[in-house]
Amino acid sequence: MIYQLPNGKVIEISIEQYIELSDEELEYLIAYNYGETLEDPWFGSVLSKGEQESTEILEIQLDLTDTPDDEKLDDLDVDNKYPEDT
């Protein structure tokens, strides 16, 4: 994401980095004049990047109404299974 600092400079950071950004780190970025001054209002815009190859995401929907209850209970997600004792 593109974030504009209070001094007018612009930085590109992820949302996770923005959430973890402390006041001291923000002051550090401002004090060292970090970032770029942008004059292009379309910087980072999807419109200026042009078309990209579309990747199709196939969604598989299971019809669980026809599956017996015993089979549903036996087929747990991998995350929910306990590791085997070794």
PDB file of N, CA and C in Angstrom:
ATOM      1  N   MET A   1       0.837  -1.168   0.000  1.00  0.00           N
ATOM      2  CA  MET A   1       0.000   0.000   0.000  1.00  0.00           C
ATOM      3  C   MET A   1       0.879   1.227   0.000  1.00  0.00           C
ATOM      4  N   ILE A   2       0.379   2.313  -0.509  1.00  0.00           N
ATOM      5  CA  ILE A   2       1.115   3.566  -0.556  1.00  0.00           C
ATOM      6  C   ILE A   2       0.630   4.423   0.606  1.00  0.00           C
ATOM      7  N   TYR A   3       1.579   4.927   1.410  1.00  0.00           N
ATOM      8  CA  TYR A   3       1.248   5.713   2.598  1.00  0.00           C
ATOM      9  C   TYR A   3       1.974   7.051   2.512  1.00  0.00           C
ATOM     10  N   GLN A   4       1.241   8.141   2.716  1.00  0.00           N
ATOM     11  CA  GLN A   4       1.849   9.462   2.686  1.00  0.00           C
ATOM     12  C   GLN A   4       2.169   9.898   4.114  1.00  0.00           C
ATOM     13  N   LEU A   5       3.442  10.201   4.338  1.00  0.00           N
ATOM     14  CA  LEU A   5       3.897  10.671   5.646  1.00  0.00           C
ATOM     15  C   LEU A   5       3.430  12.111   5.863  1.00  0.00           C
ATOM     16  N   PRO A   6       3.384  12.565   7.116  1.00  0.00           N
ATOM     17  CA  PRO A   6       2.958  13.944   7.390  1.00  0.00           C
ATOM     18  C   PRO A   6       3.819  15.012   6.710  1.00  0.00           C
ATOM     19  N   ASN A   7       5.066  14.691   6.351  1.00  0.00           N
ATOM     20  CA  ASN A   7       5.918  15.672   5.684  1.00  0.00           C
ATOM     21  C   ASN A   7       5.687  15.719   4.168  1.00  0.00           C
ATOM     22  N   GLY A   8       4.759  14.938   3.647  1.00  0.00           N
ATOM     23  CA  GLY A   8       4.422  14.948   2.236  1.00  0.00           C
ATOM     24  C   GLY A   8       5.108  13.867   1.425  1.00  0.00           C
ATOM     25  N   LYS A   9       6.093  13.203   1.997  1.00  0.00           N
ATOM     26  CA  LYS A   9       6.786  12.126   1.293  1.00  0.00           C
ATOM     27  C   LYS A   9       5.908  10.876   1.284  1.00  0.00           C
ATOM     28  N   VAL A  10       6.122  10.022   0.293  1.00  0.00           N
ATOM     29  CA  VAL A  10       5.306   8.826   0.122  1.00  0.00           C
ATOM     30  C   VAL A  10       6.198   7.597   0.239  1.00  0.00           C
ATOM     31  N   ILE A  11       5.722   6.585   0.980  1.00  0.00           N
ATOM     32  CA  ILE A  11       6.436   5.319   1.095  1.00  0.00           C
ATOM     33  C   ILE A  11       5.475   4.203   0.710  1.00  0.00           C
ATOM     34  N   GLU A  12       6.048   3.081   0.323  1.00  0.00           N
ATOM     35  CA  GLU A  12       5.236   1.909  -0.003  1.00  0.00           C
ATOM     36  C   GLU A  12       5.525   0.836   1.026  1.00  0.00           C
ATOM     37  N   ILE A  13       4.513   0.470   1.800  1.00  0.00           N
ATOM     38  CA  ILE A  13       4.647  -0.546   2.839  1.00  0.00           C
ATOM     39  C   ILE A  13       3.444  -1.469   2.782  1.00  0.00           C
ATOM     40  N   SER A  14       3.608  -2.644   3.388  1.00  0.00           N
ATOM     41  CA  SER A  14       2.486  -3.577   3.440  1.00  0.00           C
ATOM     42  C   SER A  14       1.553  -3.169   4.578  1.00  0.00           C
ATOM     43  N   ILE A  15       0.387  -3.732   4.576  1.00  0.00           N
ATOM     44  CA  ILE A  15      -0.588  -3.421   5.621  1.00  0.00           C
ATOM     45  C   ILE A  15      -0.080  -3.898   6.975  1.00  0.00           C
ATOM     46  N   GLU A  16       0.596  -5.051   6.994  1.00  0.00           N
ATOM     47  CA  GLU A  16       1.138  -5.570   8.253  1.00  0.00           C
ATOM     48  C   GLU A  16       2.196  -4.632   8.818  1.00  0.00           C
ATOM     49  N   GLN A  17       3.051  -4.080   7.937  1.00  0.00           N
ATOM     50  CA  GLN A  17       4.065  -3.140   8.386  1.00  0.00           C
ATOM     51  C   GLN A  17       3.425  -1.870   8.920  1.00  0.00           C
ATOM     52  N   TYR A  18       2.361  -1.410   8.274  1.00  0.00           N
ATOM     53  CA  TYR A  18       1.666  -0.205   8.727  1.00  0.00           C
ATOM     54  C   TYR A  18       1.053  -0.411  10.109  1.00  0.00           C
ATOM     55  N   ILE A  19       0.454  -1.571  10.311  1.00  0.00           N
ATOM     56  CA  ILE A  19      -0.176  -1.853  11.604  1.00  0.00           C
ATOM     57  C   ILE A  19       0.864  -1.913  12.709  1.00  0.00           C
ATOM     58  N   GLU A  20       2.050  -2.465  12.410  1.00  0.00           N
ATOM     59  CA  GLU A  20       3.106  -2.604  13.408  1.00  0.00           C
ATOM     60  C   GLU A  20       3.954  -1.342  13.555  1.00  0.00           C
ATOM     61  N   LEU A  21       3.714  -0.302  12.742  1.00  0.00           N
ATOM     62  CA  LEU A  21       4.503   0.921  12.759  1.00  0.00           C
ATOM     63  C   LEU A  21       4.252   1.696  14.043  1.00  0.00           C
ATOM     64  N   SER A  22       5.306   1.923  14.819  1.00  0.00           N
ATOM     65  CA  SER A  22       5.164   2.669  16.075  1.00  0.00           C
ATOM     66  C   SER A  22       5.351   4.162  15.810  1.00  0.00           C
ATOM     67  N   ASP A  23       5.011   4.980  16.792  1.00  0.00           N
ATOM     68  CA  ASP A  23       5.179   6.420  16.670  1.00  0.00           C
ATOM     69  C   ASP A  23       6.650   6.790  16.512  1.00  0.00           C
ATOM     70  N   GLU A  24       7.535   6.072  17.208  1.00  0.00           N
ATOM     71  CA  GLU A  24       8.964   6.348  17.103  1.00  0.00           C
ATOM     72  C   GLU A  24       9.487   6.063  15.697  1.00  0.00           C
ATOM     73  N   GLU A  25       9.023   4.962  15.108  1.00  0.00           N
ATOM     74  CA  GLU A  25       9.438   4.623  13.743  1.00  0.00           C
ATOM     75  C   GLU A  25       8.918   5.647  12.741  1.00  0.00           C
ATOM     76  N   LEU A  26       7.710   6.126  12.957  1.00  0.00           N
ATOM     77  CA  LEU A  26       7.139   7.146  12.093  1.00  0.00           C
ATOM     78  C   LEU A  26       7.949   8.437  12.192  1.00  0.00           C
ATOM     79  N   GLU A  27       8.302   8.837  13.407  1.00  0.00           N
ATOM     80  CA  GLU A  27       9.127  10.027  13.607  1.00  0.00           C
ATOM     81  C   GLU A  27      10.504   9.860  12.960  1.00  0.00           C
ATOM     82  N   TYR A  28      11.059   8.654  13.007  1.00  0.00           N
ATOM     83  CA  TYR A  28      12.346   8.363  12.378  1.00  0.00           C
ATOM     84  C   TYR A  28      12.261   8.572  10.871  1.00  0.00           C
ATOM     85  N   LEU A  29      11.189   8.070  10.249  1.00  0.00           N
ATOM     86  CA  LEU A  29      11.015   8.218   8.811  1.00  0.00           C
ATOM     87  C   LEU A  29      10.895   9.696   8.415  1.00  0.00           C
ATOM     88  N   ILE A  30      10.202  10.459   9.231  1.00  0.00           N
ATOM     89  CA  ILE A  30      10.022  11.884   8.948  1.00  0.00           C
ATOM     90  C   ILE A  30      11.341  12.627   9.150  1.00  0.00           C
ATOM     91  N   ALA A  31      12.059  12.316  10.239  1.00  0.00           N
ATOM     92  CA  ALA A  31      13.296  13.020  10.572  1.00  0.00           C
ATOM     93  C   ALA A  31      14.381  12.809   9.513  1.00  0.00           C
ATOM     94  N   TYR A  32      14.467  11.614   8.956  1.00  0.00           N
ATOM     95  CA  TYR A  32      15.486  11.327   7.952  1.00  0.00           C
ATOM     96  C   TYR A  32      14.999  11.578   6.534  1.00  0.00           C
ATOM     97  N   ASN A  33      13.842  12.232   6.409  1.00  0.00           N
ATOM     98  CA  ASN A  33      13.289  12.624   5.109  1.00  0.00           C
ATOM     99  C   ASN A  33      13.167  11.429   4.176  1.00  0.00           C
ATOM    100  N   TYR A  34      12.720  10.308   4.725  1.00  0.00           N
ATOM    101  CA  TYR A  34      12.597   9.064   3.976  1.00  0.00           C
ATOM    102  C   TYR A  34      11.376   9.130   3.073  1.00  0.00           C
ATOM    103  N   GLY A  35      11.474   8.559   1.891  1.00  0.00           N
ATOM    104  CA  GLY A  35      10.344   8.483   0.976  1.00  0.00           C
ATOM    105  C   GLY A  35      10.585   9.261  -0.291  1.00  0.00           C
ATOM    106  N   GLU A  36       9.576   9.326  -1.109  1.00  0.00           N
ATOM    107  CA  GLU A  36       9.648  10.015  -2.391  1.00  0.00           C
ATOM    108  C   GLU A  36       8.582  11.085  -2.463  1.00  0.00           C
ATOM    109  N   THR A  37       8.871  12.138  -3.211  1.00  0.00           N
ATOM    110  CA  THR A  37       7.872  13.149  -3.501  1.00  0.00           C
ATOM    111  C   THR A  37       7.256  12.791  -4.844  1.00  0.00           C
ATOM    112  N   LEU A  38       5.978  12.560  -4.853  1.00  0.00           N
ATOM    113  CA  LEU A  38       5.304  12.139  -6.080  1.00  0.00           C
ATOM    114  C   LEU A  38       4.527  13.300  -6.672  1.00  0.00           C
ATOM    115  N   GLU A  39       4.680  13.466  -7.963  1.00  0.00           N
ATOM    116  CA  GLU A  39       3.916  14.491  -8.666  1.00  0.00           C
ATOM    117  C   GLU A  39       2.881  13.868  -9.592  1.00  0.00           C
ATOM    118  N   ASP A  40       2.976  12.567  -9.789  1.00  0.00           N
ATOM    119  CA  ASP A  40       2.061  11.846 -10.665  1.00  0.00           C
ATOM    120  C   ASP A  40       0.869  11.353  -9.851  1.00  0.00           C
ATOM    121  N   PRO A  41      -0.330  11.885 -10.092  1.00  0.00           N
ATOM    122  CA  PRO A  41      -1.488  11.428  -9.321  1.00  0.00           C
ATOM    123  C   PRO A  41      -1.883   9.987  -9.614  1.00  0.00           C
ATOM    124  N   TRP A  42      -1.352   9.404 -10.687  1.00  0.00           N
ATOM    125  CA  TRP A  42      -1.690   8.044 -11.069  1.00  0.00           C
ATOM    126  C   TRP A  42      -0.619   7.053 -10.666  1.00  0.00           C
ATOM    127  N   PHE A  43       0.327   7.441  -9.798  1.00  0.00           N
ATOM    128  CA  PHE A  43       1.399   6.543  -9.372  1.00  0.00           C
ATOM    129  C   PHE A  43       0.805   5.325  -8.656  1.00  0.00           C
ATOM    130  N   GLY A  44       1.166   4.151  -9.101  1.00  0.00           N
ATOM    131  CA  GLY A  44       0.698   2.918  -8.478  1.00  0.00           C
ATOM    132  C   GLY A  44      -0.730   2.559  -8.822  1.00  0.00           C
ATOM    133  N   SER A  45      -1.344   3.289  -9.730  1.00  0.00           N
ATOM    134  CA  SER A  45      -2.729   3.026 -10.097  1.00  0.00           C
ATOM    135  C   SER A  45      -2.831   1.806 -10.989  1.00  0.00           C
ATOM    136  N   VAL A  46      -3.887   1.072 -10.824  1.00  0.00           N
ATOM    137  CA  VAL A  46      -4.138  -0.083 -11.676  1.00  0.00           C
ATOM    138  C   VAL A  46      -4.402   0.380 -13.103  1.00  0.00           C
ATOM    139  N   LEU A  47      -4.963   1.555 -13.244  1.00  0.00           N
ATOM    140  CA  LEU A  47      -5.274   2.061 -14.578  1.00  0.00           C
ATOM    141  C   LEU A  47      -4.024   2.318 -15.398  1.00  0.00           C
ATOM    142  N   SER A  48      -2.938   2.746 -14.756  1.00  0.00           N
ATOM    143  CA  SER A  48      -1.723   3.050 -15.499  1.00  0.00           C
ATOM    144  C   SER A  48      -0.871   1.808 -15.775  1.00  0.00           C
ATOM    145  N   LYS A  49      -1.126   0.725 -15.093  1.00  0.00           N
ATOM    146  CA  LYS A  49      -0.339  -0.491 -15.288  1.00  0.00           C
ATOM    147  C   LYS A  49      -0.766  -1.268 -16.520  1.00  0.00           C
ATOM    148  N   GLY A  50      -1.939  -1.035 -17.015  1.00  0.00           N
ATOM    149  CA  GLY A  50      -2.412  -1.756 -18.190  1.00  0.00           C
ATOM    150  C   GLY A  50      -3.007  -3.102 -17.809  1.00  0.00           C
ATOM    151  N   GLU A  51      -3.301  -3.859 -18.826  1.00  0.00           N
ATOM    152  CA  GLU A  51      -3.916  -5.162 -18.584  1.00  0.00           C
ATOM    153  C   GLU A  51      -2.878  -6.193 -18.197  1.00  0.00           C
ATOM    154  N   GLN A  52      -3.250  -7.042 -17.291  1.00  0.00           N
ATOM    155  CA  GLN A  52      -2.408  -8.152 -16.901  1.00  0.00           C
ATOM    156  C   GLN A  52      -3.110  -9.433 -17.299  1.00  0.00           C
ATOM    157  N   GLU A  53      -2.331 -10.484 -17.384  1.00  0.00           N
ATOM    158  CA  GLU A  53      -2.942 -11.767 -17.691  1.00  0.00           C
ATOM    159  C   GLU A  53      -3.832 -12.177 -16.529  1.00  0.00           C
ATOM    160  N   SER A  54      -5.034 -12.544 -16.853  1.00  0.00           N
ATOM    161  CA  SER A  54      -5.950 -12.950 -15.798  1.00  0.00           C
ATOM    162  C   SER A  54      -5.681 -14.402 -15.421  1.00  0.00           C
ATOM    163  N   THR A  55      -5.664 -14.621 -14.140  1.00  0.00           N
ATOM    164  CA  THR A  55      -5.509 -15.993 -13.661  1.00  0.00           C
ATOM    165  C   THR A  55      -6.864 -16.446 -13.147  1.00  0.00           C
ATOM    166  N   GLU A  56      -7.287 -17.534 -13.666  1.00  0.00           N
ATOM    167  CA  GLU A  56      -8.591 -18.047 -13.280  1.00  0.00           C
ATOM    168  C   GLU A  56      -8.461 -18.884 -12.015  1.00  0.00           C
ATOM    169  N   ILE A  57      -9.334 -18.627 -11.096  1.00  0.00           N
ATOM    170  CA  ILE A  57      -9.372 -19.395  -9.861  1.00  0.00           C
ATOM    171  C   ILE A  57     -10.615 -20.281  -9.931  1.00  0.00           C
ATOM    172  N   LEU A  58     -10.376 -21.550  -9.882  1.00  0.00           N
ATOM    173  CA  LEU A  58     -11.479 -22.490  -9.933  1.00  0.00           C
ATOM    174  C   LEU A  58     -11.954 -22.770  -8.518  1.00  0.00           C
ATOM    175  N   GLU A  59     -13.219 -22.616  -8.317  1.00  0.00           N
ATOM    176  CA  GLU A  59     -13.791 -22.897  -7.010  1.00  0.00           C
ATOM    177  C   GLU A  59     -14.530 -24.226  -7.087  1.00  0.00           C
ATOM    178  N   ILE A  60     -14.212 -25.083  -6.173  1.00  0.00           N
ATOM    179  CA  ILE A  60     -14.877 -26.376  -6.111  1.00  0.00           C
ATOM    180  C   ILE A  60     -15.809 -26.343  -4.913  1.00  0.00           C
ATOM    181  N   GLN A  61     -17.054 -26.502  -5.177  1.00  0.00           N
ATOM    182  CA  GLN A  61     -18.030 -26.520  -4.103  1.00  0.00           C
ATOM    183  C   GLN A  61     -18.516 -27.952  -3.934  1.00  0.00           C
ATOM    184  N   LEU A  62     -18.389 -28.423  -2.724  1.00  0.00           N
ATOM    185  CA  LEU A  62     -18.819 -29.778  -2.433  1.00  0.00           C
ATOM    186  C   LEU A  62     -20.269 -29.767  -1.973  1.00  0.00           C
ATOM    187  N   ASP A  63     -21.002 -30.739  -2.421  1.00  0.00           N
ATOM    188  CA  ASP A  63     -22.375 -30.884  -1.983  1.00  0.00           C
ATOM    189  C   ASP A  63     -22.371 -31.818  -0.774  1.00  0.00           C
ATOM    190  N   LEU A  64     -22.378 -31.240   0.421  1.00  0.00           N
ATOM    191  CA  LEU A  64     -22.290 -32.029   1.644  1.00  0.00           C
ATOM    192  C   LEU A  64     -23.646 -32.580   2.088  1.00  0.00           C
ATOM    193  N   THR A  65     -24.692 -32.242   1.374  1.00  0.00           N
ATOM    194  CA  THR A  65     -26.006 -32.755   1.768  1.00  0.00           C
ATOM    195  C   THR A  65     -26.146 -34.239   1.448  1.00  0.00           C
ATOM    196  N   ASP A  66     -25.383 -34.725   0.459  1.00  0.00           N
ATOM    197  CA  ASP A  66     -25.463 -36.140   0.082  1.00  0.00           C
ATOM    198  C   ASP A  66     -24.473 -37.013   0.844  1.00  0.00           C
ATOM    199  N   THR A  67     -23.564 -36.407   1.595  1.00  0.00           N
ATOM    200  CA  THR A  67     -22.546 -37.161   2.324  1.00  0.00           C
ATOM    201  C   THR A  67     -23.108 -37.619   3.663  1.00  0.00           C
ATOM    202  N   PRO A  68     -22.928 -38.872   4.014  1.00  0.00           N
ATOM    203  CA  PRO A  68     -23.421 -39.352   5.310  1.00  0.00           C
ATOM    204  C   PRO A  68     -22.674 -38.674   6.472  1.00  0.00           C
ATOM    205  N   ASP A  69     -23.353 -38.570   7.608  1.00  0.00           N
ATOM    206  CA  ASP A  69     -22.775 -37.898   8.768  1.00  0.00           C
ATOM    207  C   ASP A  69     -21.492 -38.572   9.255  1.00  0.00           C
ATOM    208  N   ASP A  70     -21.435 -39.882   9.216  1.00  0.00           N
ATOM    209  CA  ASP A  70     -20.239 -40.597   9.672  1.00  0.00           C
ATOM    210  C   ASP A  70     -19.018 -40.219   8.828  1.00  0.00           C
ATOM    211  N   GLU A  71     -19.228 -40.094   7.536  1.00  0.00           N
ATOM    212  CA  GLU A  71     -18.111 -39.744   6.655  1.00  0.00           C
ATOM    213  C   GLU A  71     -17.660 -38.297   6.882  1.00  0.00           C
ATOM    214  N   LYS A  72     -18.602 -37.414   7.182  1.00  0.00           N
ATOM    215  CA  LYS A  72     -18.254 -36.025   7.489  1.00  0.00           C
ATOM    216  C   LYS A  72     -17.398 -35.942   8.743  1.00  0.00           C
ATOM    217  N   LEU A  73     -17.742 -36.732   9.753  1.00  0.00           N
ATOM    218  CA  LEU A  73     -16.992 -36.702  11.004  1.00  0.00           C
ATOM    219  C   LEU A  73     -15.613 -37.328  10.857  1.00  0.00           C
ATOM    220  N   ASP A  74     -15.481 -38.320  10.002  1.00  0.00           N
ATOM    221  CA  ASP A  74     -14.190 -38.973   9.799  1.00  0.00           C
ATOM    222  C   ASP A  74     -13.235 -38.121   8.955  1.00  0.00           C
ATOM    223  N   ASP A  75     -13.763 -37.261   8.112  1.00  0.00           N
ATOM    224  CA  ASP A  75     -12.950 -36.466   7.197  1.00  0.00           C
ATOM    225  C   ASP A  75     -12.702 -35.076   7.784  1.00  0.00           C
ATOM    226  N   LEU A  76     -11.843 -34.998   8.814  1.00  0.00           N
ATOM    227  CA  LEU A  76     -11.521 -33.730   9.445  1.00  0.00           C
ATOM    228  C   LEU A  76     -10.462 -32.996   8.646  1.00  0.00           C
ATOM    229  N   ASP A  77     -10.398 -31.707   8.830  1.00  0.00           N
ATOM    230  CA  ASP A  77      -9.339 -30.926   8.190  1.00  0.00           C
ATOM    231  C   ASP A  77      -7.989 -31.337   8.753  1.00  0.00           C
ATOM    232  N   VAL A  78      -6.948 -31.173   7.982  1.00  0.00           N
ATOM    233  CA  VAL A  78      -5.609 -31.555   8.403  1.00  0.00           C
ATOM    234  C   VAL A  78      -5.184 -30.727   9.613  1.00  0.00           C
ATOM    235  N   ASP A  79      -5.587 -29.457   9.676  1.00  0.00           N
ATOM    236  CA  ASP A  79      -5.208 -28.579  10.776  1.00  0.00           C
ATOM    237  C   ASP A  79      -5.817 -29.021  12.104  1.00  0.00           C
ATOM    238  N   ASN A  80      -6.918 -29.687  12.049  1.00  0.00           N
ATOM    239  CA  ASN A  80      -7.605 -30.083  13.271  1.00  0.00           C
ATOM    240  C   ASN A  80      -7.110 -31.411  13.823  1.00  0.00           C
ATOM    241  N   LYS A  81      -6.332 -32.147  13.054  1.00  0.00           N
ATOM    242  CA  LYS A  81      -5.836 -33.439  13.517  1.00  0.00           C
ATOM    243  C   LYS A  81      -4.675 -33.248  14.463  1.00  0.00           C
ATOM    244  N   TYR A  82      -4.611 -34.091  15.455  1.00  0.00           N
ATOM    245  CA  TYR A  82      -3.506 -34.038  16.386  1.00  0.00           C
ATOM    246  C   TYR A  82      -2.326 -34.796  15.826  1.00  0.00           C
ATOM    247  N   PRO A  83      -1.106 -34.288  16.062  1.00  0.00           N
ATOM    248  CA  PRO A  83       0.055 -35.030  15.541  1.00  0.00           C
ATOM    249  C   PRO A  83       0.184 -36.374  16.232  1.00  0.00           C
ATOM    250  N   GLU A  84       0.625 -37.337  15.485  1.00  0.00           N
ATOM    251  CA  GLU A  84       0.783 -38.669  16.035  1.00  0.00           C
ATOM    252  C   GLU A  84       1.981 -38.706  16.972  1.00  0.00           C
ATOM    253  N   ASP A  85       1.852 -39.459  18.027  1.00  0.00           N
ATOM    254  CA  ASP A  85       2.968 -39.600  18.968  1.00  0.00           C
ATOM    255  C   ASP A  85       4.059 -40.441  18.318  1.00  0.00           C
ATOM    256  N   THR A  86       5.259 -39.975  18.410  1.00  0.00           N
ATOM    257  CA  THR A  86       6.361 -40.724  17.806  1.00  0.00           C
ATOM    258  C   THR A  86       7.281 -41.272  18.859  1.00  0.00           C
TER     259      THR A  86
END
